[in-house]
Amino acid sequence: MAAAQPRPSALGGKRSRAAEAGAMEAAGGEERFLLAQRLKAAVHYTVGCLCEEVAEERDVQFSKQTIAAITEITFRQCETFAKDLEVFARHAKRSTVTIEDVKLLARRSSSLLRYITEKSEELALSNMEQKEKKKKSNAVKERRTGEHEAAVTESEDFNMA
C-alpha cells in the first residue's frame, strides 16, 4: 500500500516546503510505526516462547489473551525504560546512555541491580583483557617491523658497498 502523495500546488506544479516537510514527517511516522510493530511482534514471539517454557516446567497453560497481555505490559515497560534512560543521560549532559544509567534504572530491584552490576563487571574485565592483548600484539608487531626495517637497512648498506 503506497502512501498518499500531496498534490502539487497550482504555482508551477511544485510542492511548498511545508508540504514537503509534512510528507517527509508522515513517511517518517509511518516508518516508525512499522518498526514499532515489528518490535512488538518480536516481543510477542519471545513472550510466547518464555510462556511455553514455563508451561512445560510447571505444567500450566497460558491463554493467547494472557500472552498478549504480558506482551503489551512488557512492551510498555520497555518504552518507559527507554524514556527514563534518555532522561538520565540528558540530565548528566550526555548523549549516550551508560551502564550507570542502567544501574540507576534498576535500583528498585535489588536482584536485577545485582545481576546488572555483575554483568557490567564481567564486561569491564573482558574489555581490559582485550585491550591488554591488543597492546601486546601491537608491541610485537612494532618490534617485528623495527627488526625488519633494520635488516633492510643493513642489506641496503651492504649492497652499496
N, C-alpha and C. Protein backbone atom coordinates (compact mmCIF):
# COMPACT_ATOMS: atom_id res chain seq x y z
N MET A 1 0.84 -1.16 0.00
CA MET A 1 0.00 0.00 0.00
C MET A 1 0.89 1.23 0.00
N ALA A 2 0.75 2.08 -0.99
CA ALA A 2 1.58 3.28 -1.13
C ALA A 2 0.98 4.42 -0.33
N ALA A 3 1.85 5.26 0.19
CA ALA A 3 1.40 6.43 0.94
C ALA A 3 0.82 7.45 -0.02
N ALA A 4 -0.21 8.15 0.42
CA ALA A 4 -0.83 9.18 -0.41
C ALA A 4 0.14 10.34 -0.57
N GLN A 5 0.32 10.80 -1.80
CA GLN A 5 1.21 11.91 -2.10
C GLN A 5 0.41 13.20 -2.12
N PRO A 6 0.92 14.26 -1.53
CA PRO A 6 0.22 15.54 -1.61
C PRO A 6 0.20 16.03 -3.05
N ARG A 7 -0.88 16.69 -3.42
CA ARG A 7 -0.98 17.21 -4.78
C ARG A 7 -0.11 18.44 -4.93
N PRO A 8 0.49 18.61 -6.12
CA PRO A 8 1.30 19.80 -6.35
C PRO A 8 0.44 21.05 -6.28
N SER A 9 1.07 22.14 -5.87
CA SER A 9 0.32 23.40 -5.78
C SER A 9 0.09 23.95 -7.18
N ALA A 10 -0.78 24.90 -7.28
CA ALA A 10 -1.12 25.50 -8.57
C ALA A 10 0.03 26.34 -9.10
N LEU A 11 0.96 26.73 -8.25
CA LEU A 11 2.07 27.58 -8.66
C LEU A 11 3.23 26.74 -9.15
N GLY A 12 3.30 26.55 -10.44
CA GLY A 12 4.44 25.88 -11.03
C GLY A 12 4.48 24.38 -10.80
N GLY A 13 3.47 23.79 -10.22
CA GLY A 13 3.43 22.36 -10.03
C GLY A 13 4.38 21.85 -8.96
N LYS A 14 4.93 22.72 -8.15
CA LYS A 14 5.86 22.29 -7.10
C LYS A 14 5.17 22.34 -5.74
N ARG A 15 5.60 21.45 -4.87
CA ARG A 15 5.05 21.46 -3.52
C ARG A 15 5.77 22.51 -2.69
N SER A 16 5.05 23.07 -1.74
CA SER A 16 5.68 24.03 -0.84
C SER A 16 6.61 23.28 0.11
N ARG A 17 7.52 24.03 0.73
CA ARG A 17 8.43 23.40 1.69
C ARG A 17 7.67 22.79 2.85
N ALA A 18 6.63 23.47 3.29
CA ALA A 18 5.82 22.94 4.39
C ALA A 18 5.16 21.63 3.99
N ALA A 19 4.67 21.56 2.75
CA ALA A 19 4.04 20.33 2.28
C ALA A 19 5.07 19.21 2.19
N GLU A 20 6.27 19.53 1.70
CA GLU A 20 7.33 18.52 1.62
C GLU A 20 7.72 18.04 3.01
N ALA A 21 7.85 18.98 3.94
CA ALA A 21 8.20 18.62 5.31
C ALA A 21 7.11 17.74 5.91
N GLY A 22 5.86 18.08 5.65
CA GLY A 22 4.74 17.29 6.15
C GLY A 22 4.74 15.89 5.57
N ALA A 23 5.05 15.79 4.27
CA ALA A 23 5.10 14.48 3.62
C ALA A 23 6.23 13.64 4.20
N MET A 24 7.38 14.28 4.43
CA MET A 24 8.52 13.56 5.00
C MET A 24 8.21 13.11 6.42
N GLU A 25 7.54 13.97 7.18
CA GLU A 25 7.18 13.63 8.55
C GLU A 25 6.19 12.47 8.56
N ALA A 26 5.23 12.49 7.63
CA ALA A 26 4.26 11.41 7.55
C ALA A 26 4.95 10.09 7.19
N ALA A 27 5.89 10.16 6.24
CA ALA A 27 6.63 8.96 5.86
C ALA A 27 7.47 8.47 7.04
N GLY A 28 8.10 9.39 7.77
CA GLY A 28 8.88 9.01 8.94
C GLY A 28 8.00 8.42 10.02
N GLY A 29 6.80 8.99 10.20
CA GLY A 29 5.86 8.47 11.19
C GLY A 29 5.39 7.07 10.83
N GLU A 30 5.15 6.86 9.54
CA GLU A 30 4.71 5.53 9.09
C GLU A 30 5.84 4.51 9.28
N GLU A 31 7.07 4.93 8.95
CA GLU A 31 8.22 4.04 9.12
C GLU A 31 8.42 3.71 10.60
N ARG A 32 8.28 4.71 11.45
CA ARG A 32 8.42 4.50 12.89
C ARG A 32 7.35 3.54 13.40
N PHE A 33 6.12 3.70 12.90
CA PHE A 33 5.02 2.82 13.28
C PHE A 33 5.32 1.38 12.87
N LEU A 34 5.82 1.21 11.63
CA LEU A 34 6.13 -0.14 11.15
C LEU A 34 7.25 -0.78 11.97
N LEU A 35 8.25 0.02 12.33
CA LEU A 35 9.34 -0.51 13.17
C LEU A 35 8.81 -0.91 14.55
N ALA A 36 7.92 -0.09 15.10
CA ALA A 36 7.34 -0.41 16.41
C ALA A 36 6.52 -1.70 16.33
N GLN A 37 5.81 -1.89 15.23
CA GLN A 37 5.01 -3.11 15.05
C GLN A 37 5.92 -4.33 14.95
N ARG A 38 7.03 -4.20 14.23
CA ARG A 38 7.98 -5.32 14.11
C ARG A 38 8.58 -5.64 15.47
N LEU A 39 8.92 -4.60 16.22
CA LEU A 39 9.48 -4.81 17.55
C LEU A 39 8.46 -5.47 18.47
N LYS A 40 7.23 -5.02 18.40
CA LYS A 40 6.18 -5.60 19.24
C LYS A 40 5.97 -7.07 18.87
N ALA A 41 6.05 -7.38 17.58
CA ALA A 41 5.91 -8.78 17.14
C ALA A 41 7.05 -9.63 17.69
N ALA A 42 8.25 -9.07 17.72
CA ALA A 42 9.40 -9.80 18.27
C ALA A 42 9.22 -10.03 19.77
N VAL A 43 8.72 -9.02 20.47
CA VAL A 43 8.46 -9.17 21.91
C VAL A 43 7.39 -10.24 22.12
N HIS A 44 6.35 -10.22 21.30
CA HIS A 44 5.27 -11.19 21.41
C HIS A 44 5.81 -12.61 21.21
N TYR A 45 6.66 -12.78 20.21
CA TYR A 45 7.25 -14.09 19.95
C TYR A 45 8.07 -14.56 21.15
N THR A 46 8.89 -13.67 21.69
CA THR A 46 9.74 -14.02 22.83
C THR A 46 8.90 -14.36 24.06
N VAL A 47 7.88 -13.56 24.32
CA VAL A 47 6.98 -13.84 25.45
C VAL A 47 6.32 -15.20 25.26
N GLY A 48 5.89 -15.49 24.04
CA GLY A 48 5.28 -16.79 23.75
C GLY A 48 6.22 -17.94 24.04
N CYS A 49 7.48 -17.79 23.61
CA CYS A 49 8.49 -18.83 23.87
C CYS A 49 8.73 -19.02 25.37
N LEU A 50 8.84 -17.91 26.08
CA LEU A 50 9.05 -18.00 27.54
C LEU A 50 7.85 -18.64 28.23
N CYS A 51 6.65 -18.29 27.79
CA CYS A 51 5.45 -18.89 28.38
C CYS A 51 5.40 -20.39 28.11
N GLU A 52 5.84 -20.81 26.92
CA GLU A 52 5.89 -22.25 26.62
C GLU A 52 6.85 -22.96 27.57
N GLU A 53 8.02 -22.36 27.81
CA GLU A 53 9.00 -22.96 28.72
C GLU A 53 8.42 -23.11 30.12
N VAL A 54 7.80 -22.04 30.60
CA VAL A 54 7.21 -22.07 31.95
C VAL A 54 6.07 -23.08 32.00
N ALA A 55 5.27 -23.14 30.94
CA ALA A 55 4.16 -24.08 30.90
C ALA A 55 4.65 -25.52 31.01
N GLU A 56 5.75 -25.84 30.32
CA GLU A 56 6.30 -27.19 30.39
C GLU A 56 6.89 -27.49 31.76
N GLU A 57 7.60 -26.52 32.33
CA GLU A 57 8.25 -26.72 33.63
C GLU A 57 7.24 -26.87 34.76
N ARG A 58 6.18 -26.08 34.71
CA ARG A 58 5.24 -26.02 35.85
C ARG A 58 3.90 -26.68 35.56
N ASP A 59 3.78 -27.25 34.39
CA ASP A 59 2.55 -27.93 33.99
C ASP A 59 1.32 -27.02 34.12
N VAL A 60 1.43 -25.85 33.48
CA VAL A 60 0.31 -24.90 33.43
C VAL A 60 0.10 -24.50 31.97
N GLN A 61 -1.00 -23.84 31.71
CA GLN A 61 -1.31 -23.38 30.36
C GLN A 61 -1.48 -21.86 30.37
N PHE A 62 -1.06 -21.21 29.29
CA PHE A 62 -1.25 -19.77 29.11
C PHE A 62 -2.17 -19.56 27.92
N SER A 63 -3.22 -18.80 28.12
CA SER A 63 -4.12 -18.50 27.00
C SER A 63 -3.48 -17.46 26.09
N LYS A 64 -3.99 -17.37 24.88
CA LYS A 64 -3.48 -16.37 23.93
C LYS A 64 -3.68 -14.96 24.48
N GLN A 65 -4.79 -14.74 25.18
CA GLN A 65 -5.06 -13.43 25.76
C GLN A 65 -4.03 -13.09 26.84
N THR A 66 -3.65 -14.09 27.62
CA THR A 66 -2.65 -13.87 28.67
C THR A 66 -1.31 -13.51 28.05
N ILE A 67 -0.92 -14.24 27.02
CA ILE A 67 0.35 -13.96 26.33
C ILE A 67 0.31 -12.56 25.72
N ALA A 68 -0.82 -12.19 25.13
CA ALA A 68 -0.96 -10.85 24.54
C ALA A 68 -0.87 -9.77 25.62
N ALA A 69 -1.48 -10.02 26.78
CA ALA A 69 -1.44 -9.04 27.87
C ALA A 69 -0.02 -8.89 28.41
N ILE A 70 0.68 -10.01 28.58
CA ILE A 70 2.07 -9.95 29.05
C ILE A 70 2.92 -9.20 28.03
N THR A 71 2.67 -9.45 26.75
CA THR A 71 3.41 -8.76 25.68
C THR A 71 3.18 -7.26 25.77
N GLU A 72 1.95 -6.85 25.91
CA GLU A 72 1.62 -5.42 25.96
C GLU A 72 2.27 -4.75 27.17
N ILE A 73 2.19 -5.39 28.32
CA ILE A 73 2.81 -4.84 29.53
C ILE A 73 4.32 -4.73 29.36
N THR A 74 4.92 -5.77 28.81
CA THR A 74 6.37 -5.78 28.60
C THR A 74 6.78 -4.68 27.64
N PHE A 75 6.05 -4.54 26.54
CA PHE A 75 6.37 -3.52 25.54
C PHE A 75 6.27 -2.12 26.15
N ARG A 76 5.20 -1.88 26.88
CA ARG A 76 5.03 -0.56 27.51
C ARG A 76 6.12 -0.29 28.55
N GLN A 77 6.49 -1.31 29.31
CA GLN A 77 7.55 -1.14 30.31
C GLN A 77 8.88 -0.83 29.62
N CYS A 78 9.15 -1.49 28.50
CA CYS A 78 10.38 -1.21 27.75
C CYS A 78 10.38 0.23 27.22
N GLU A 79 9.23 0.71 26.77
CA GLU A 79 9.14 2.11 26.33
C GLU A 79 9.46 3.06 27.49
N THR A 80 8.91 2.75 28.66
CA THR A 80 9.17 3.58 29.85
C THR A 80 10.65 3.54 30.21
N PHE A 81 11.24 2.35 30.17
CA PHE A 81 12.68 2.23 30.46
C PHE A 81 13.50 3.07 29.50
N ALA A 82 13.18 2.99 28.21
CA ALA A 82 13.94 3.74 27.20
C ALA A 82 13.85 5.24 27.47
N LYS A 83 12.66 5.72 27.77
CA LYS A 83 12.49 7.16 28.05
C LYS A 83 13.27 7.56 29.31
N ASP A 84 13.19 6.72 30.35
CA ASP A 84 13.93 7.02 31.59
C ASP A 84 15.43 7.06 31.34
N LEU A 85 15.94 6.11 30.57
CA LEU A 85 17.38 6.09 30.28
C LEU A 85 17.81 7.33 29.51
N GLU A 86 16.99 7.77 28.56
CA GLU A 86 17.29 9.00 27.83
C GLU A 86 17.34 10.19 28.77
N VAL A 87 16.38 10.26 29.69
CA VAL A 87 16.33 11.38 30.65
C VAL A 87 17.54 11.35 31.57
N PHE A 88 17.93 10.17 32.05
CA PHE A 88 19.10 10.08 32.93
C PHE A 88 20.35 10.58 32.21
N ALA A 89 20.53 10.16 30.96
CA ALA A 89 21.71 10.59 30.20
C ALA A 89 21.67 12.09 29.94
N ARG A 90 20.51 12.59 29.57
CA ARG A 90 20.37 14.03 29.30
C ARG A 90 20.63 14.84 30.57
N HIS A 91 20.15 14.35 31.70
CA HIS A 91 20.37 15.04 32.97
C HIS A 91 21.87 15.15 33.28
N ALA A 92 22.62 14.13 32.89
CA ALA A 92 24.07 14.13 33.10
C ALA A 92 24.80 14.84 31.96
N LYS A 93 24.03 15.50 31.09
CA LYS A 93 24.58 16.25 29.95
C LYS A 93 25.39 15.34 29.01
N ARG A 94 24.84 14.15 28.77
CA ARG A 94 25.44 13.21 27.84
C ARG A 94 24.43 12.85 26.77
N SER A 95 24.93 12.41 25.63
CA SER A 95 24.03 11.94 24.57
C SER A 95 24.05 10.42 24.49
N THR A 96 24.85 9.79 25.33
CA THR A 96 24.98 8.33 25.33
C THR A 96 24.55 7.77 26.67
N VAL A 97 23.76 6.71 26.62
CA VAL A 97 23.34 6.02 27.84
C VAL A 97 24.50 5.14 28.29
N THR A 98 24.81 5.19 29.58
CA THR A 98 25.91 4.38 30.12
C THR A 98 25.35 3.31 31.06
N ILE A 99 26.25 2.43 31.49
CA ILE A 99 25.86 1.38 32.43
C ILE A 99 25.38 1.98 33.74
N GLU A 100 25.91 3.13 34.11
CA GLU A 100 25.47 3.78 35.35
C GLU A 100 24.00 4.20 35.25
N ASP A 101 23.56 4.60 34.05
CA ASP A 101 22.14 4.93 33.84
C ASP A 101 21.28 3.68 34.02
N VAL A 102 21.76 2.57 33.49
CA VAL A 102 21.02 1.31 33.61
C VAL A 102 20.93 0.88 35.07
N LYS A 103 22.02 1.04 35.80
CA LYS A 103 22.01 0.70 37.23
C LYS A 103 21.03 1.59 37.99
N LEU A 104 21.00 2.86 37.63
CA LEU A 104 20.06 3.78 38.27
C LEU A 104 18.62 3.36 37.99
N LEU A 105 18.38 2.91 36.78
CA LEU A 105 17.04 2.44 36.40
C LEU A 105 16.64 1.21 37.22
N ALA A 106 17.61 0.34 37.48
CA ALA A 106 17.32 -0.93 38.16
C ALA A 106 17.42 -0.84 39.68
N ARG A 107 17.59 0.34 40.22
CA ARG A 107 17.87 0.50 41.65
C ARG A 107 16.76 -0.03 42.55
N ARG A 108 15.53 -0.13 42.08
CA ARG A 108 14.42 -0.57 42.94
C ARG A 108 14.32 -2.09 43.04
N SER A 109 15.04 -2.79 42.17
CA SER A 109 15.03 -4.25 42.21
C SER A 109 16.44 -4.71 42.57
N SER A 110 16.62 -5.12 43.82
CA SER A 110 17.97 -5.47 44.28
C SER A 110 18.55 -6.64 43.48
N SER A 111 17.73 -7.62 43.14
CA SER A 111 18.25 -8.77 42.38
C SER A 111 18.65 -8.35 40.97
N LEU A 112 17.86 -7.50 40.34
CA LEU A 112 18.20 -7.02 38.99
C LEU A 112 19.44 -6.14 39.03
N LEU A 113 19.52 -5.28 40.03
CA LEU A 113 20.70 -4.41 40.17
C LEU A 113 21.96 -5.25 40.40
N ARG A 114 21.85 -6.27 41.22
CA ARG A 114 22.99 -7.15 41.48
C ARG A 114 23.42 -7.86 40.17
N TYR A 115 22.45 -8.35 39.41
CA TYR A 115 22.74 -9.04 38.15
C TYR A 115 23.41 -8.09 37.15
N ILE A 116 22.87 -6.88 37.01
CA ILE A 116 23.44 -5.90 36.08
C ILE A 116 24.85 -5.51 36.51
N THR A 117 25.05 -5.34 37.81
CA THR A 117 26.38 -4.99 38.32
C THR A 117 27.39 -6.10 38.01
N GLU A 118 26.99 -7.35 38.24
CA GLU A 118 27.88 -8.48 37.94
C GLU A 118 28.24 -8.52 36.46
N LYS A 119 27.23 -8.36 35.61
CA LYS A 119 27.47 -8.40 34.16
C LYS A 119 28.36 -7.24 33.71
N SER A 120 28.15 -6.06 34.27
CA SER A 120 28.97 -4.92 33.87
C SER A 120 30.42 -5.12 34.31
N GLU A 121 30.62 -5.73 35.48
CA GLU A 121 31.98 -6.03 35.94
C GLU A 121 32.64 -7.07 35.03
N GLU A 122 31.87 -8.08 34.62
CA GLU A 122 32.40 -9.08 33.69
C GLU A 122 32.80 -8.43 32.37
N LEU A 123 31.95 -7.55 31.86
CA LEU A 123 32.26 -6.85 30.60
C LEU A 123 33.49 -5.97 30.75
N ALA A 124 33.58 -5.27 31.85
CA ALA A 124 34.74 -4.39 32.07
C ALA A 124 36.02 -5.22 32.13
N LEU A 125 35.98 -6.35 32.81
CA LEU A 125 37.15 -7.22 32.90
C LEU A 125 37.52 -7.77 31.52
N SER A 126 36.52 -8.19 30.78
CA SER A 126 36.76 -8.71 29.43
C SER A 126 37.36 -7.63 28.52
N ASN A 127 36.85 -6.41 28.62
CA ASN A 127 37.38 -5.30 27.81
C ASN A 127 38.83 -5.01 28.18
N MET A 128 39.14 -5.05 29.47
CA MET A 128 40.52 -4.81 29.92
C MET A 128 41.45 -5.87 29.35
N GLU A 129 41.01 -7.13 29.40
CA GLU A 129 41.83 -8.22 28.88
C GLU A 129 42.07 -8.06 27.38
N GLN A 130 41.02 -7.66 26.64
CA GLN A 130 41.17 -7.46 25.20
C GLN A 130 42.12 -6.32 24.90
N LYS A 131 42.05 -5.25 25.67
CA LYS A 131 42.96 -4.12 25.46
C LYS A 131 44.40 -4.53 25.72
N GLU A 132 44.62 -5.33 26.78
CA GLU A 132 45.97 -5.80 27.08
C GLU A 132 46.50 -6.68 25.96
N LYS A 133 45.66 -7.57 25.45
CA LYS A 133 46.07 -8.43 24.34
C LYS A 133 46.42 -7.59 23.11
N LYS A 134 45.61 -6.57 22.86
CA LYS A 134 45.84 -5.71 21.70
C LYS A 134 47.16 -4.95 21.85
N LYS A 135 47.42 -4.46 23.07
CA LYS A 135 48.68 -3.75 23.32
C LYS A 135 49.87 -4.67 23.09
N LYS A 136 49.78 -5.90 23.62
CA LYS A 136 50.87 -6.86 23.44
C LYS A 136 51.06 -7.18 21.96
N SER A 137 49.95 -7.37 21.26
CA SER A 137 50.01 -7.68 19.83
C SER A 137 50.64 -6.54 19.06
N ASN A 138 50.25 -5.31 19.37
CA ASN A 138 50.83 -4.14 18.70
C ASN A 138 52.31 -4.00 19.02
N ALA A 139 52.70 -4.28 20.25
CA ALA A 139 54.11 -4.19 20.63
C ALA A 139 54.94 -5.21 19.86
N VAL A 140 54.42 -6.42 19.71
CA VAL A 140 55.13 -7.46 18.96
C VAL A 140 55.25 -7.05 17.50
N LYS A 141 54.18 -6.51 16.93
CA LYS A 141 54.21 -6.06 15.53
C LYS A 141 55.23 -4.94 15.35
N GLU A 142 55.27 -4.01 16.29
CA GLU A 142 56.22 -2.90 16.19
C GLU A 142 57.66 -3.41 16.26
N ARG A 143 57.91 -4.38 17.14
CA ARG A 143 59.26 -4.95 17.22
C ARG A 143 59.64 -5.64 15.92
N ARG A 144 58.70 -6.42 15.37
CA ARG A 144 58.97 -7.12 14.11
C ARG A 144 59.23 -6.12 13.00
N THR A 145 58.42 -5.07 12.93
CA THR A 145 58.59 -4.05 11.90
C THR A 145 59.94 -3.37 12.07
N GLY A 146 60.31 -3.05 13.30
CA GLY A 146 61.60 -2.41 13.57
C GLY A 146 62.75 -3.32 13.19
N GLU A 147 62.65 -4.61 13.51
CA GLU A 147 63.70 -5.57 13.16
C GLU A 147 63.80 -5.72 11.65
N HIS A 148 62.65 -5.75 10.97
CA HIS A 148 62.63 -5.89 9.51
C HIS A 148 63.26 -4.66 8.86
N GLU A 149 62.91 -3.48 9.36
CA GLU A 149 63.48 -2.25 8.80
C GLU A 149 64.98 -2.20 9.02
N ALA A 150 65.44 -2.65 10.18
CA ALA A 150 66.88 -2.68 10.46
C ALA A 150 67.58 -3.64 9.51
N ALA A 151 66.97 -4.79 9.26
CA ALA A 151 67.57 -5.78 8.36
C ALA A 151 67.62 -5.23 6.94
N VAL A 152 66.56 -4.54 6.51
CA VAL A 152 66.53 -3.95 5.17
C VAL A 152 67.60 -2.89 5.05
N THR A 153 67.75 -2.06 6.06
CA THR A 153 68.77 -1.01 6.05
C THR A 153 70.16 -1.62 5.96
N GLU A 154 70.40 -2.68 6.73
CA GLU A 154 71.70 -3.34 6.69
C GLU A 154 71.97 -3.93 5.31
N SER A 155 70.96 -4.55 4.70
CA SER A 155 71.18 -5.15 3.38
C SER A 155 71.39 -4.07 2.33
N GLU A 156 70.71 -2.92 2.47
CA GLU A 156 70.91 -1.82 1.53
C GLU A 156 72.33 -1.27 1.68
N ASP A 157 72.79 -1.16 2.94
CA ASP A 157 74.15 -0.70 3.18
C ASP A 157 75.15 -1.67 2.57
N PHE A 158 74.91 -2.96 2.68
CA PHE A 158 75.80 -3.97 2.14
C PHE A 158 75.84 -3.88 0.62
N ASN A 159 74.65 -3.67 0.00
CA ASN A 159 74.59 -3.58 -1.45
C ASN A 159 75.31 -2.35 -1.97
N MET A 160 75.37 -1.28 -1.21
CA MET A 160 76.02 -0.05 -1.65
C MET A 160 77.54 -0.18 -1.58
N ALA A 161 78.02 -1.06 -0.77
CA ALA A 161 79.47 -1.17 -0.60
C ALA A 161 80.13 -1.88 -1.73
